[in-house]
């Protein structure tokens, strides 16, 4: 049976609800549009806490100068409530990693980071078929501070996951008001490796970026 907690940082762009088991670590590379490459590393502690760091650049692949991010990203996720038959998971988290180009004047990523967030979700396990919906609210420190919401759902059959996530992207004057809708397919190999292909911004919140493609690869193991 596939380990559900494999490399559970994000659904596509929105945070996943799960926490890695104690003593596990994961490494992930994310290849996005306009030559963006992001690297992530994370560890699980006490089955309740996830800590991670990330760093990358826009335009790292392609012509022109790469736009290295000003700061590394930090991820922290604490399971306040562990799920049981009746109760959902309840997560408190922090994530200052955004996506796309970083504007030093406005001090923001093209797609802003989550900042502080709380999230609830539930794993529904039907033998070889799983459904994992989640929903959260966040306060981003970019653009002088803003509140937003986000959600997503994972459908897992054997070693394949179908992914959908969405955020309405409230109070962002730079782009359209359609929100970010993303979808993807993740393939898990040997319960340690994964390959993921995503289609992002299906509603064209950023003009000219509709159906932009992204690839993720990752590895998980135990110390």
N, C-alpha and C. Protein backbone atom coordinates (compact mmCIF):
# COMPACT_ATOMS: atom_id res chain seq x y z
N UNK A 1 0.85 -1.20 0.00
CA UNK A 1 0.00 0.00 0.00
C UNK A 1 0.88 1.25 0.00
N UNK A 2 0.53 2.24 -0.77
CA UNK A 2 1.31 3.46 -0.87
C UNK A 2 1.24 4.24 0.43
N UNK A 3 2.38 4.79 0.85
CA UNK A 3 2.42 5.63 2.04
C UNK A 3 1.83 6.98 1.71
N UNK A 4 0.74 7.32 2.35
CA UNK A 4 0.03 8.55 2.01
C UNK A 4 0.86 9.79 2.30
N UNK A 5 1.76 9.71 3.32
CA UNK A 5 2.46 10.90 3.76
C UNK A 5 3.69 11.21 2.92
N UNK A 6 3.84 10.59 1.74
CA UNK A 6 5.01 10.81 0.92
C UNK A 6 5.06 12.24 0.40
N UNK A 7 6.11 12.97 0.80
CA UNK A 7 6.41 14.28 0.24
C UNK A 7 5.19 15.20 0.21
N UNK A 8 4.71 15.51 1.39
CA UNK A 8 3.41 16.15 1.50
C UNK A 8 3.51 17.65 1.80
N UNK A 9 4.34 18.36 1.05
CA UNK A 9 4.41 19.80 1.26
C UNK A 9 3.21 20.53 0.69
N UNK A 10 2.85 20.21 -0.57
CA UNK A 10 1.80 20.94 -1.26
C UNK A 10 0.94 19.97 -2.05
N UNK A 11 -0.31 20.38 -2.29
CA UNK A 11 -1.14 19.65 -3.24
C UNK A 11 -0.60 19.97 -4.64
N UNK A 12 -0.88 21.15 -5.16
CA UNK A 12 -0.14 21.69 -6.31
C UNK A 12 0.63 22.91 -5.82
N UNK A 13 -0.09 24.00 -5.55
CA UNK A 13 0.53 25.19 -4.94
C UNK A 13 0.08 25.38 -3.49
N UNK A 14 -1.08 24.85 -3.12
CA UNK A 14 -1.63 25.05 -1.79
C UNK A 14 -1.12 23.98 -0.83
N UNK A 15 -0.96 24.32 0.46
CA UNK A 15 -0.42 23.36 1.42
C UNK A 15 -1.24 22.07 1.53
N UNK A 16 -0.54 20.96 1.67
CA UNK A 16 -1.17 19.68 1.97
C UNK A 16 -1.48 19.65 3.47
N UNK A 17 -2.40 18.80 3.88
CA UNK A 17 -2.84 18.74 5.26
C UNK A 17 -1.96 17.84 6.13
N UNK A 18 -1.16 16.98 5.51
CA UNK A 18 -0.48 15.93 6.26
C UNK A 18 0.86 16.37 6.85
N UNK A 19 1.32 15.60 7.84
CA UNK A 19 2.61 15.80 8.50
C UNK A 19 3.45 14.55 8.29
N UNK A 20 4.72 14.72 7.96
CA UNK A 20 5.59 13.56 7.81
C UNK A 20 5.83 12.87 9.15
N UNK A 21 6.07 11.58 9.09
CA UNK A 21 6.37 10.82 10.29
C UNK A 21 7.71 11.23 10.87
N UNK A 22 7.89 10.96 12.17
CA UNK A 22 9.12 11.32 12.87
C UNK A 22 10.32 10.64 12.22
N UNK A 23 11.39 11.41 12.00
CA UNK A 23 12.61 10.85 11.45
C UNK A 23 12.67 10.75 9.95
N UNK A 24 11.62 11.17 9.26
CA UNK A 24 11.65 11.15 7.81
C UNK A 24 12.10 12.51 7.26
N UNK A 25 12.72 12.47 6.11
CA UNK A 25 13.10 13.71 5.44
C UNK A 25 12.73 13.59 3.96
N UNK A 26 12.53 14.73 3.33
CA UNK A 26 12.20 14.74 1.90
C UNK A 26 12.97 15.83 1.20
N UNK A 27 13.27 15.59 -0.07
CA UNK A 27 13.92 16.54 -0.96
C UNK A 27 13.06 16.65 -2.21
N UNK A 28 12.89 17.87 -2.69
CA UNK A 28 11.99 18.08 -3.82
C UNK A 28 12.51 19.18 -4.72
N UNK A 29 12.37 19.00 -6.03
CA UNK A 29 12.66 20.04 -7.01
C UNK A 29 11.40 20.36 -7.79
N UNK A 30 11.20 21.63 -8.02
CA UNK A 30 10.00 22.12 -8.69
C UNK A 30 10.44 22.97 -9.87
N UNK A 31 10.02 22.59 -11.09
CA UNK A 31 10.38 23.29 -12.31
C UNK A 31 9.13 23.98 -12.87
N UNK A 32 9.10 25.31 -12.80
CA UNK A 32 7.92 26.05 -13.20
C UNK A 32 8.13 26.86 -14.46
N UNK A 33 7.12 27.67 -14.83
CA UNK A 33 7.21 28.48 -16.05
C UNK A 33 8.28 29.56 -15.93
N UNK A 34 8.73 30.05 -17.09
CA UNK A 34 9.75 31.10 -17.18
C UNK A 34 11.05 30.68 -16.51
N UNK A 35 11.37 29.39 -16.58
CA UNK A 35 12.65 28.90 -16.07
C UNK A 35 12.78 28.86 -14.57
N UNK A 36 11.65 28.90 -13.84
CA UNK A 36 11.71 28.88 -12.38
C UNK A 36 12.11 27.50 -11.87
N UNK A 37 13.07 27.46 -10.95
CA UNK A 37 13.44 26.23 -10.26
C UNK A 37 13.46 26.51 -8.76
N UNK A 38 12.77 25.67 -8.01
CA UNK A 38 12.73 25.77 -6.55
C UNK A 38 13.14 24.44 -5.94
N UNK A 39 14.01 24.50 -4.94
CA UNK A 39 14.39 23.30 -4.21
C UNK A 39 13.85 23.35 -2.79
N UNK A 40 13.32 22.23 -2.31
CA UNK A 40 12.76 22.13 -0.97
C UNK A 40 13.41 20.99 -0.21
N UNK A 41 13.62 21.19 1.08
CA UNK A 41 14.03 20.12 1.98
C UNK A 41 13.22 20.21 3.26
N UNK A 42 12.76 19.07 3.78
CA UNK A 42 11.94 19.09 4.99
C UNK A 42 12.17 17.84 5.81
N UNK A 43 11.87 17.93 7.11
CA UNK A 43 11.99 16.80 8.02
C UNK A 43 10.74 16.72 8.89
N UNK A 44 10.41 15.52 9.34
CA UNK A 44 9.29 15.31 10.25
C UNK A 44 9.79 15.00 11.66
N UNK A 45 9.15 15.61 12.67
CA UNK A 45 9.55 15.43 14.07
C UNK A 45 8.34 15.08 14.91
N UNK A 46 8.47 14.02 15.72
CA UNK A 46 7.45 13.62 16.70
C UNK A 46 6.08 13.35 16.10
N UNK A 47 6.01 13.10 14.80
CA UNK A 47 4.75 12.85 14.10
C UNK A 47 3.77 14.01 14.17
N UNK A 48 4.23 15.18 14.64
CA UNK A 48 3.33 16.33 14.78
C UNK A 48 3.89 17.61 14.17
N UNK A 49 5.18 17.60 13.83
CA UNK A 49 5.83 18.84 13.40
C UNK A 49 6.61 18.59 12.12
N UNK A 50 6.45 19.49 11.14
CA UNK A 50 7.24 19.48 9.92
C UNK A 50 8.00 20.79 9.83
N UNK A 51 9.31 20.70 9.55
CA UNK A 51 10.14 21.88 9.35
C UNK A 51 10.81 21.77 7.99
N UNK A 52 10.88 22.87 7.27
CA UNK A 52 11.48 22.83 5.94
C UNK A 52 12.07 24.16 5.53
N UNK A 53 12.92 24.10 4.51
CA UNK A 53 13.50 25.31 3.90
C UNK A 53 13.48 25.15 2.38
N UNK A 54 13.47 26.26 1.69
CA UNK A 54 13.44 26.24 0.23
C UNK A 54 14.23 27.42 -0.30
N UNK A 55 14.68 27.28 -1.54
CA UNK A 55 15.35 28.40 -2.21
C UNK A 55 15.34 28.14 -3.71
N UNK A 56 15.36 29.23 -4.47
CA UNK A 56 15.35 29.06 -5.91
C UNK A 56 15.47 30.38 -6.63
N UNK A 57 15.08 30.36 -7.90
CA UNK A 57 15.20 31.55 -8.74
C UNK A 57 14.23 31.45 -9.90
N UNK A 58 13.80 32.57 -10.39
CA UNK A 58 13.07 32.62 -11.65
C UNK A 58 14.07 32.79 -12.79
N UNK A 59 13.70 32.36 -13.99
CA UNK A 59 14.54 32.48 -15.17
C UNK A 59 15.90 31.80 -15.01
N UNK A 60 15.96 30.76 -14.17
CA UNK A 60 17.22 30.05 -13.99
C UNK A 60 17.58 29.24 -15.23
N UNK A 61 16.55 28.73 -15.93
CA UNK A 61 16.75 28.05 -17.21
C UNK A 61 16.24 28.98 -18.31
N UNK A 62 17.08 29.24 -19.30
CA UNK A 62 16.66 30.10 -20.40
C UNK A 62 17.63 31.26 -20.58
N UNK A 63 17.25 32.20 -21.44
CA UNK A 63 18.10 33.36 -21.73
C UNK A 63 17.89 34.44 -20.67
N UNK A 64 18.86 35.33 -20.58
CA UNK A 64 18.75 36.42 -19.63
C UNK A 64 19.28 36.05 -18.27
N UNK A 65 19.29 37.04 -17.39
CA UNK A 65 19.83 36.84 -16.04
C UNK A 65 18.82 36.16 -15.13
N UNK A 66 19.24 35.19 -14.33
CA UNK A 66 18.31 34.57 -13.38
C UNK A 66 17.96 35.55 -12.27
N UNK A 67 16.74 35.43 -11.77
CA UNK A 67 16.29 36.27 -10.67
C UNK A 67 16.28 35.49 -9.38
N UNK A 68 17.44 35.40 -8.72
CA UNK A 68 17.52 34.65 -7.47
C UNK A 68 16.67 35.33 -6.40
N UNK A 69 15.97 34.53 -5.62
CA UNK A 69 15.09 35.09 -4.60
C UNK A 69 15.90 35.78 -3.50
N UNK A 70 15.33 36.82 -2.96
CA UNK A 70 16.02 37.64 -1.97
C UNK A 70 16.26 36.85 -0.68
N UNK A 71 15.29 36.05 -0.28
CA UNK A 71 15.39 35.30 0.97
C UNK A 71 15.08 33.83 0.72
N UNK A 72 15.65 32.93 1.51
CA UNK A 72 15.19 31.53 1.45
C UNK A 72 13.79 31.42 2.05
N UNK A 73 13.06 30.42 1.63
CA UNK A 73 11.75 30.16 2.19
C UNK A 73 11.85 29.27 3.42
N UNK A 74 10.93 29.46 4.34
CA UNK A 74 10.86 28.65 5.56
C UNK A 74 9.45 28.06 5.66
N UNK A 75 9.37 26.76 5.94
CA UNK A 75 8.09 26.09 6.12
C UNK A 75 8.04 25.46 7.52
N UNK A 76 6.93 25.65 8.20
CA UNK A 76 6.70 25.01 9.51
C UNK A 76 5.24 24.61 9.57
N UNK A 77 4.98 23.41 10.07
CA UNK A 77 3.62 22.89 10.12
C UNK A 77 3.45 22.06 11.39
N UNK A 78 2.48 22.43 12.22
CA UNK A 78 2.24 21.75 13.50
C UNK A 78 0.84 21.15 13.50
N UNK A 79 0.76 19.85 13.81
CA UNK A 79 -0.53 19.18 13.93
C UNK A 79 -1.10 19.44 15.33
N UNK A 80 -2.07 20.34 15.41
CA UNK A 80 -2.70 20.64 16.70
C UNK A 80 -3.64 19.50 17.10
N UNK A 81 -4.40 19.01 16.13
CA UNK A 81 -5.28 17.85 16.34
C UNK A 81 -4.89 16.76 15.36
N UNK A 82 -4.63 15.55 15.86
CA UNK A 82 -4.40 14.42 14.99
C UNK A 82 -5.73 13.78 14.65
N UNK A 83 -5.93 13.32 13.42
CA UNK A 83 -7.24 12.81 13.01
C UNK A 83 -7.57 11.49 13.66
N UNK A 84 -8.87 11.26 13.88
CA UNK A 84 -9.38 9.95 14.27
C UNK A 84 -10.64 9.69 13.45
N UNK A 85 -11.46 8.76 13.90
CA UNK A 85 -12.64 8.42 13.11
C UNK A 85 -13.62 9.58 12.96
N UNK A 86 -13.65 10.48 13.95
CA UNK A 86 -14.61 11.57 13.93
C UNK A 86 -13.98 12.93 13.65
N UNK A 87 -12.80 13.17 14.26
CA UNK A 87 -12.19 14.49 14.16
C UNK A 87 -11.31 14.61 12.92
N UNK A 88 -11.30 15.79 12.29
CA UNK A 88 -10.38 16.02 11.16
C UNK A 88 -8.99 16.40 11.69
N UNK A 89 -8.04 16.50 10.78
CA UNK A 89 -6.74 17.08 11.11
C UNK A 89 -6.89 18.60 11.23
N UNK A 90 -6.15 19.19 12.17
CA UNK A 90 -6.12 20.65 12.30
C UNK A 90 -4.67 21.07 12.36
N UNK A 91 -4.26 21.91 11.42
CA UNK A 91 -2.86 22.29 11.24
C UNK A 91 -2.69 23.79 11.41
N UNK A 92 -1.64 24.19 12.14
CA UNK A 92 -1.17 25.57 12.14
C UNK A 92 0.15 25.60 11.38
N UNK A 93 0.31 26.57 10.46
CA UNK A 93 1.50 26.57 9.64
C UNK A 93 2.02 27.95 9.32
N UNK A 94 3.25 27.96 8.81
CA UNK A 94 3.88 29.18 8.32
C UNK A 94 4.65 28.81 7.06
N UNK A 95 4.55 29.67 6.03
CA UNK A 95 5.26 29.42 4.77
C UNK A 95 5.46 30.76 4.07
N UNK A 96 6.72 31.18 3.94
CA UNK A 96 6.98 32.47 3.28
C UNK A 96 7.56 32.29 1.88
N UNK A 97 7.36 31.09 1.29
CA UNK A 97 7.82 30.84 -0.08
C UNK A 97 6.71 31.11 -1.08
N UNK A 98 6.91 32.12 -1.92
CA UNK A 98 5.98 32.38 -3.01
C UNK A 98 6.51 31.81 -4.31
N UNK A 99 5.82 32.11 -5.42
CA UNK A 99 6.18 31.53 -6.71
C UNK A 99 6.30 32.62 -7.77
N UNK A 100 7.12 32.33 -8.78
CA UNK A 100 7.31 33.28 -9.87
C UNK A 100 8.35 34.34 -9.53
N UNK A 101 8.35 35.41 -10.29
CA UNK A 101 9.34 36.46 -10.09
C UNK A 101 9.11 37.19 -8.77
N UNK A 102 10.22 37.61 -8.14
CA UNK A 102 10.13 38.38 -6.91
C UNK A 102 10.39 39.85 -7.23
N UNK A 103 9.43 40.71 -6.89
CA UNK A 103 9.53 42.15 -7.13
C UNK A 103 10.12 42.79 -5.88
N UNK A 104 11.37 43.27 -5.96
CA UNK A 104 12.02 43.84 -4.78
C UNK A 104 11.39 45.18 -4.37
N UNK A 105 10.84 45.91 -5.36
CA UNK A 105 10.19 47.17 -5.03
C UNK A 105 8.92 46.98 -4.22
N UNK A 106 8.09 46.05 -4.68
CA UNK A 106 6.83 45.76 -3.98
C UNK A 106 7.01 44.75 -2.85
N UNK A 107 8.19 44.11 -2.81
CA UNK A 107 8.50 43.08 -1.80
C UNK A 107 7.45 41.98 -1.81
N UNK A 108 7.26 41.38 -3.00
CA UNK A 108 6.29 40.32 -3.14
C UNK A 108 6.65 39.41 -4.31
N UNK A 109 6.23 38.16 -4.22
CA UNK A 109 6.31 37.24 -5.34
C UNK A 109 5.11 37.47 -6.26
N UNK A 110 5.24 37.02 -7.51
CA UNK A 110 4.11 37.10 -8.43
C UNK A 110 2.90 36.39 -7.83
N UNK A 111 3.10 35.17 -7.32
CA UNK A 111 2.07 34.47 -6.55
C UNK A 111 2.53 34.49 -5.10
N UNK A 112 1.84 35.24 -4.27
CA UNK A 112 2.31 35.51 -2.93
C UNK A 112 2.31 34.26 -2.04
N UNK A 113 3.20 34.28 -1.07
CA UNK A 113 3.32 33.17 -0.12
C UNK A 113 2.11 33.14 0.82
N UNK A 114 1.93 32.01 1.47
CA UNK A 114 0.80 31.84 2.38
C UNK A 114 0.98 32.62 3.68
N UNK A 115 2.21 32.77 4.16
CA UNK A 115 2.41 33.41 5.45
C UNK A 115 1.93 32.51 6.57
N UNK A 116 1.18 33.07 7.51
CA UNK A 116 0.57 32.28 8.58
C UNK A 116 -0.74 31.68 8.10
N UNK A 117 -1.01 30.42 8.46
CA UNK A 117 -2.27 29.82 8.04
C UNK A 117 -2.72 28.75 9.02
N UNK A 118 -4.01 28.49 9.00
CA UNK A 118 -4.58 27.35 9.70
C UNK A 118 -5.40 26.56 8.69
N UNK A 119 -5.47 25.24 8.90
CA UNK A 119 -6.02 24.36 7.87
C UNK A 119 -6.67 23.15 8.53
N UNK A 120 -7.80 22.73 7.97
CA UNK A 120 -8.47 21.51 8.43
C UNK A 120 -8.63 20.57 7.23
N UNK A 121 -8.60 19.28 7.50
CA UNK A 121 -8.77 18.31 6.42
C UNK A 121 -9.02 16.93 7.00
N UNK A 122 -9.36 16.02 6.13
CA UNK A 122 -9.73 14.68 6.57
C UNK A 122 -9.31 13.66 5.52
N UNK A 123 -8.74 12.54 5.97
CA UNK A 123 -8.41 11.43 5.08
C UNK A 123 -9.55 10.42 5.09
N UNK A 124 -10.14 10.18 3.96
CA UNK A 124 -11.16 9.15 3.83
C UNK A 124 -10.55 7.98 3.07
N UNK A 125 -10.36 6.87 3.76
CA UNK A 125 -9.62 5.73 3.23
C UNK A 125 -10.58 4.59 2.92
N UNK A 126 -10.64 4.23 1.63
CA UNK A 126 -11.49 3.13 1.19
C UNK A 126 -10.62 2.05 0.55
N UNK A 127 -9.82 1.36 1.36
CA UNK A 127 -8.88 0.32 0.91
C UNK A 127 -7.87 0.93 -0.06
N UNK A 128 -8.00 0.69 -1.37
CA UNK A 128 -7.03 1.21 -2.32
C UNK A 128 -7.41 2.58 -2.88
N UNK A 129 -8.50 3.16 -2.40
CA UNK A 129 -8.96 4.45 -2.89
C UNK A 129 -9.05 5.41 -1.72
N UNK A 130 -8.45 6.58 -1.84
CA UNK A 130 -8.45 7.58 -0.78
C UNK A 130 -8.90 8.92 -1.34
N UNK A 131 -9.60 9.69 -0.50
CA UNK A 131 -9.98 11.07 -0.81
C UNK A 131 -9.53 11.93 0.35
N UNK A 132 -8.80 13.00 0.06
CA UNK A 132 -8.27 13.87 1.12
C UNK A 132 -8.63 15.32 0.81
N UNK A 133 -9.77 15.81 1.28
CA UNK A 133 -10.09 17.23 1.09
C UNK A 133 -9.50 18.07 2.23
N UNK A 134 -9.23 19.33 1.95
CA UNK A 134 -8.72 20.25 2.97
C UNK A 134 -9.12 21.67 2.63
N UNK A 135 -9.13 22.52 3.66
CA UNK A 135 -9.52 23.92 3.52
C UNK A 135 -8.76 24.74 4.54
N UNK A 136 -8.34 25.97 4.15
CA UNK A 136 -7.59 26.79 5.09
C UNK A 136 -7.81 28.28 4.87
N UNK A 137 -7.33 29.05 5.83
CA UNK A 137 -7.34 30.51 5.77
C UNK A 137 -5.93 30.99 6.12
N UNK A 138 -5.48 32.03 5.43
CA UNK A 138 -4.10 32.46 5.64
C UNK A 138 -3.99 33.98 5.68
N UNK A 139 -2.89 34.44 6.30
CA UNK A 139 -2.54 35.86 6.31
C UNK A 139 -1.15 36.00 5.73
N UNK A 140 -1.06 36.55 4.51
CA UNK A 140 0.22 36.76 3.86
C UNK A 140 0.79 38.10 4.29
N UNK A 141 2.11 38.11 4.55
CA UNK A 141 2.78 39.34 4.97
C UNK A 141 3.19 40.20 3.78
N UNK A 142 3.03 39.69 2.57
CA UNK A 142 3.38 40.46 1.39
C UNK A 142 2.25 41.45 1.06
N UNK A 143 2.59 42.47 0.27
CA UNK A 143 1.63 43.51 -0.12
C UNK A 143 0.96 44.12 1.10
N UNK A 144 1.78 44.44 2.11
CA UNK A 144 1.33 45.09 3.36
C UNK A 144 0.32 44.26 4.14
N UNK A 145 0.24 42.98 3.85
CA UNK A 145 -0.63 42.09 4.62
C UNK A 145 -1.98 41.90 3.95
N UNK A 146 -2.40 40.63 3.85
CA UNK A 146 -3.71 40.36 3.23
C UNK A 146 -4.19 38.99 3.70
N UNK A 147 -5.52 38.88 3.82
CA UNK A 147 -6.15 37.63 4.21
C UNK A 147 -6.69 36.93 2.97
N UNK A 148 -6.53 35.63 2.91
CA UNK A 148 -7.02 34.86 1.78
C UNK A 148 -7.48 33.49 2.29
N UNK A 149 -8.09 32.72 1.43
CA UNK A 149 -8.48 31.35 1.76
C UNK A 149 -7.95 30.43 0.66
N UNK A 150 -7.93 29.14 0.95
CA UNK A 150 -7.44 28.18 -0.04
C UNK A 150 -8.02 26.81 0.30
N UNK A 151 -7.99 25.93 -0.68
CA UNK A 151 -8.49 24.57 -0.45
C UNK A 151 -8.01 23.65 -1.55
N UNK A 152 -8.22 22.37 -1.33
CA UNK A 152 -7.82 21.40 -2.34
C UNK A 152 -8.34 20.03 -2.01
N UNK A 153 -8.14 19.11 -2.95
CA UNK A 153 -8.57 17.73 -2.75
C UNK A 153 -7.62 16.81 -3.51
N UNK A 154 -7.32 15.67 -2.90
CA UNK A 154 -6.48 14.65 -3.50
C UNK A 154 -7.31 13.38 -3.65
N UNK A 155 -7.28 12.79 -4.84
CA UNK A 155 -7.87 11.49 -5.08
C UNK A 155 -6.72 10.51 -5.34
N UNK A 156 -6.62 9.48 -4.54
CA UNK A 156 -5.52 8.53 -4.67
C UNK A 156 -6.05 7.14 -5.00
N UNK A 157 -5.52 6.57 -6.08
CA UNK A 157 -5.82 5.19 -6.45
C UNK A 157 -4.49 4.48 -6.62
N UNK A 158 -4.25 3.49 -5.78
CA UNK A 158 -2.98 2.76 -5.81
C UNK A 158 -1.84 3.75 -5.67
N UNK A 159 -0.95 3.84 -6.65
CA UNK A 159 0.21 4.71 -6.55
C UNK A 159 0.08 5.98 -7.39
N UNK A 160 -1.15 6.36 -7.74
CA UNK A 160 -1.40 7.55 -8.55
C UNK A 160 -2.33 8.50 -7.81
N UNK A 161 -2.01 9.78 -7.82
CA UNK A 161 -2.85 10.79 -7.20
C UNK A 161 -3.28 11.82 -8.23
N UNK A 162 -4.58 12.17 -8.21
CA UNK A 162 -5.12 13.27 -9.01
C UNK A 162 -5.33 14.44 -8.06
N UNK A 163 -4.80 15.61 -8.40
CA UNK A 163 -4.71 16.75 -7.50
C UNK A 163 -5.49 17.94 -8.04
N UNK A 164 -6.21 18.62 -7.16
CA UNK A 164 -6.89 19.87 -7.50
C UNK A 164 -6.73 20.82 -6.32
N UNK A 165 -6.33 22.07 -6.57
CA UNK A 165 -6.38 23.07 -5.50
C UNK A 165 -6.77 24.43 -6.06
N UNK A 166 -7.16 25.33 -5.16
CA UNK A 166 -7.70 26.63 -5.57
C UNK A 166 -7.54 27.64 -4.46
N UNK A 167 -7.25 28.86 -4.83
CA UNK A 167 -7.36 30.01 -3.93
C UNK A 167 -7.99 31.16 -4.72
N UNK A 168 -8.94 31.89 -4.15
CA UNK A 168 -9.55 33.02 -4.87
C UNK A 168 -8.62 34.22 -5.01
N UNK A 169 -7.49 34.23 -4.26
CA UNK A 169 -6.51 35.31 -4.39
C UNK A 169 -7.14 36.67 -4.12
N UNK A 170 -7.78 36.79 -2.97
CA UNK A 170 -8.44 38.04 -2.59
C UNK A 170 -7.44 39.20 -2.49
N UNK A 171 -7.91 40.38 -2.83
CA UNK A 171 -7.21 41.64 -2.57
C UNK A 171 -5.82 41.71 -3.19
N UNK A 172 -5.69 41.17 -4.41
CA UNK A 172 -4.44 41.28 -5.15
C UNK A 172 -4.70 42.16 -6.37
N UNK A 173 -4.26 43.42 -6.29
CA UNK A 173 -4.56 44.38 -7.35
C UNK A 173 -3.74 44.15 -8.62
N UNK A 174 -2.71 43.32 -8.54
CA UNK A 174 -1.83 43.13 -9.70
C UNK A 174 -2.43 42.24 -10.77
N UNK A 175 -3.38 41.38 -10.41
CA UNK A 175 -3.87 40.39 -11.36
C UNK A 175 -5.39 40.36 -11.38
N UNK A 176 -5.95 39.48 -12.22
CA UNK A 176 -7.39 39.39 -12.37
C UNK A 176 -8.02 38.82 -11.11
N UNK A 177 -9.33 38.81 -11.07
CA UNK A 177 -10.07 38.36 -9.88
C UNK A 177 -10.61 36.95 -10.04
N UNK A 178 -9.99 36.14 -10.90
CA UNK A 178 -10.52 34.80 -11.14
C UNK A 178 -10.00 33.77 -10.14
N UNK A 179 -8.88 34.06 -9.48
CA UNK A 179 -8.28 33.10 -8.56
C UNK A 179 -7.39 32.10 -9.30
N UNK A 180 -6.65 31.33 -8.52
CA UNK A 180 -5.74 30.33 -9.07
C UNK A 180 -6.32 28.93 -8.91
N UNK A 181 -6.63 28.30 -10.03
CA UNK A 181 -7.11 26.92 -10.05
C UNK A 181 -6.04 26.07 -10.72
N UNK A 182 -5.60 25.03 -10.00
CA UNK A 182 -4.52 24.17 -10.49
C UNK A 182 -4.94 22.71 -10.42
N UNK A 183 -4.35 21.90 -11.27
CA UNK A 183 -4.61 20.46 -11.24
C UNK A 183 -3.34 19.72 -11.61
N UNK A 184 -3.25 18.45 -11.21
CA UNK A 184 -2.04 17.71 -11.52
C UNK A 184 -2.20 16.21 -11.32
N UNK A 185 -1.19 15.47 -11.78
CA UNK A 185 -1.09 14.03 -11.59
C UNK A 185 0.24 13.72 -10.95
N UNK A 186 0.21 12.93 -9.87
CA UNK A 186 1.43 12.51 -9.18
C UNK A 186 1.54 10.99 -9.26
N UNK A 187 2.73 10.52 -9.64
CA UNK A 187 3.02 9.09 -9.74
C UNK A 187 4.09 8.74 -8.71
N UNK A 188 3.80 7.77 -7.84
CA UNK A 188 4.69 7.40 -6.75
C UNK A 188 5.33 6.05 -7.06
N UNK A 189 6.66 6.00 -6.89
CA UNK A 189 7.41 4.79 -7.20
C UNK A 189 8.14 4.30 -5.95
N UNK A 190 7.96 3.03 -5.62
CA UNK A 190 8.67 2.37 -4.52
C UNK A 190 8.46 3.06 -3.18
N UNK A 191 7.39 3.83 -3.03
CA UNK A 191 7.05 4.54 -1.81
C UNK A 191 8.14 5.51 -1.36
N UNK A 192 9.05 5.89 -2.26
CA UNK A 192 10.12 6.83 -1.93
C UNK A 192 10.30 7.93 -2.97
N UNK A 193 9.93 7.67 -4.20
CA UNK A 193 10.14 8.62 -5.28
C UNK A 193 8.81 9.06 -5.87
N UNK A 194 8.76 10.28 -6.40
CA UNK A 194 7.56 10.67 -7.13
C UNK A 194 7.92 11.57 -8.29
N UNK A 195 7.04 11.54 -9.28
CA UNK A 195 7.08 12.45 -10.43
C UNK A 195 5.69 13.05 -10.56
N UNK A 196 5.63 14.36 -10.73
CA UNK A 196 4.33 15.05 -10.80
C UNK A 196 4.32 16.01 -11.98
N UNK A 197 3.20 16.02 -12.69
CA UNK A 197 2.98 16.97 -13.78
C UNK A 197 1.73 17.78 -13.47
N UNK A 198 1.85 19.11 -13.53
CA UNK A 198 0.74 19.99 -13.14
C UNK A 198 0.40 20.98 -14.26
N UNK A 199 -0.87 21.34 -14.32
CA UNK A 199 -1.36 22.45 -15.13
C UNK A 199 -1.89 23.50 -14.18
N UNK A 200 -1.36 24.71 -14.26
CA UNK A 200 -1.66 25.74 -13.27
C UNK A 200 -2.38 26.93 -13.91
N UNK A 201 -3.04 27.68 -13.02
CA UNK A 201 -3.75 28.91 -13.41
C UNK A 201 -4.73 28.64 -14.55
N UNK A 202 -5.59 27.64 -14.36
CA UNK A 202 -6.55 27.27 -15.40
C UNK A 202 -7.52 28.40 -15.71
N UNK A 203 -7.74 29.33 -14.79
CA UNK A 203 -8.68 30.43 -14.99
C UNK A 203 -7.99 31.71 -15.47
N UNK A 204 -6.69 31.62 -15.78
CA UNK A 204 -5.89 32.74 -16.28
C UNK A 204 -6.00 33.97 -15.37
N UNK A 205 -5.67 33.76 -14.11
CA UNK A 205 -5.60 34.90 -13.20
C UNK A 205 -4.46 35.83 -13.58
N UNK A 206 -3.33 35.25 -14.04
CA UNK A 206 -2.24 36.04 -14.61
C UNK A 206 -2.36 35.95 -16.13
N UNK A 207 -2.53 37.07 -16.79
CA UNK A 207 -2.75 37.07 -18.23
C UNK A 207 -1.58 36.43 -18.96
N UNK A 208 -1.89 35.52 -19.88
CA UNK A 208 -0.86 34.84 -20.66
C UNK A 208 -0.25 33.64 -19.97
N UNK A 209 -0.71 33.33 -18.76
CA UNK A 209 -0.15 32.21 -18.01
C UNK A 209 -1.12 31.03 -17.88
N UNK A 210 -2.24 31.08 -18.59
CA UNK A 210 -3.23 30.00 -18.49
C UNK A 210 -2.61 28.67 -18.92
N UNK A 211 -2.90 27.64 -18.13
CA UNK A 211 -2.42 26.28 -18.41
C UNK A 211 -0.89 26.20 -18.45
N UNK A 212 -0.22 27.01 -17.63
CA UNK A 212 1.24 26.87 -17.59
C UNK A 212 1.61 25.55 -16.93
N UNK A 213 2.68 24.95 -17.42
CA UNK A 213 3.06 23.61 -17.00
C UNK A 213 4.13 23.65 -15.92
N UNK A 214 4.08 22.66 -15.04
CA UNK A 214 5.07 22.54 -13.98
C UNK A 214 5.37 21.07 -13.75
N UNK A 215 6.62 20.76 -13.42
CA UNK A 215 7.04 19.40 -13.08
C UNK A 215 7.65 19.42 -11.70
N UNK A 216 7.32 18.42 -10.90
CA UNK A 216 7.97 18.22 -9.60
C UNK A 216 8.55 16.81 -9.55
N UNK A 217 9.72 16.69 -8.96
CA UNK A 217 10.29 15.38 -8.65
C UNK A 217 10.74 15.41 -7.19
N UNK A 218 10.69 14.26 -6.54
CA UNK A 218 11.05 14.25 -5.13
C UNK A 218 11.43 12.89 -4.62
N UNK A 219 12.02 12.91 -3.44
CA UNK A 219 12.55 11.69 -2.79
C UNK A 219 12.30 11.80 -1.30
N UNK A 220 11.93 10.70 -0.66
CA UNK A 220 11.73 10.66 0.79
C UNK A 220 12.41 9.43 1.37
N UNK A 221 13.00 9.59 2.55
CA UNK A 221 13.64 8.48 3.24
C UNK A 221 13.64 8.75 4.74
N UNK A 222 14.26 7.86 5.50
CA UNK A 222 14.31 7.96 6.95
C UNK A 222 15.75 8.11 7.41
N UNK A 223 15.95 8.95 8.42
CA UNK A 223 17.31 9.11 8.97
C UNK A 223 17.77 7.80 9.60
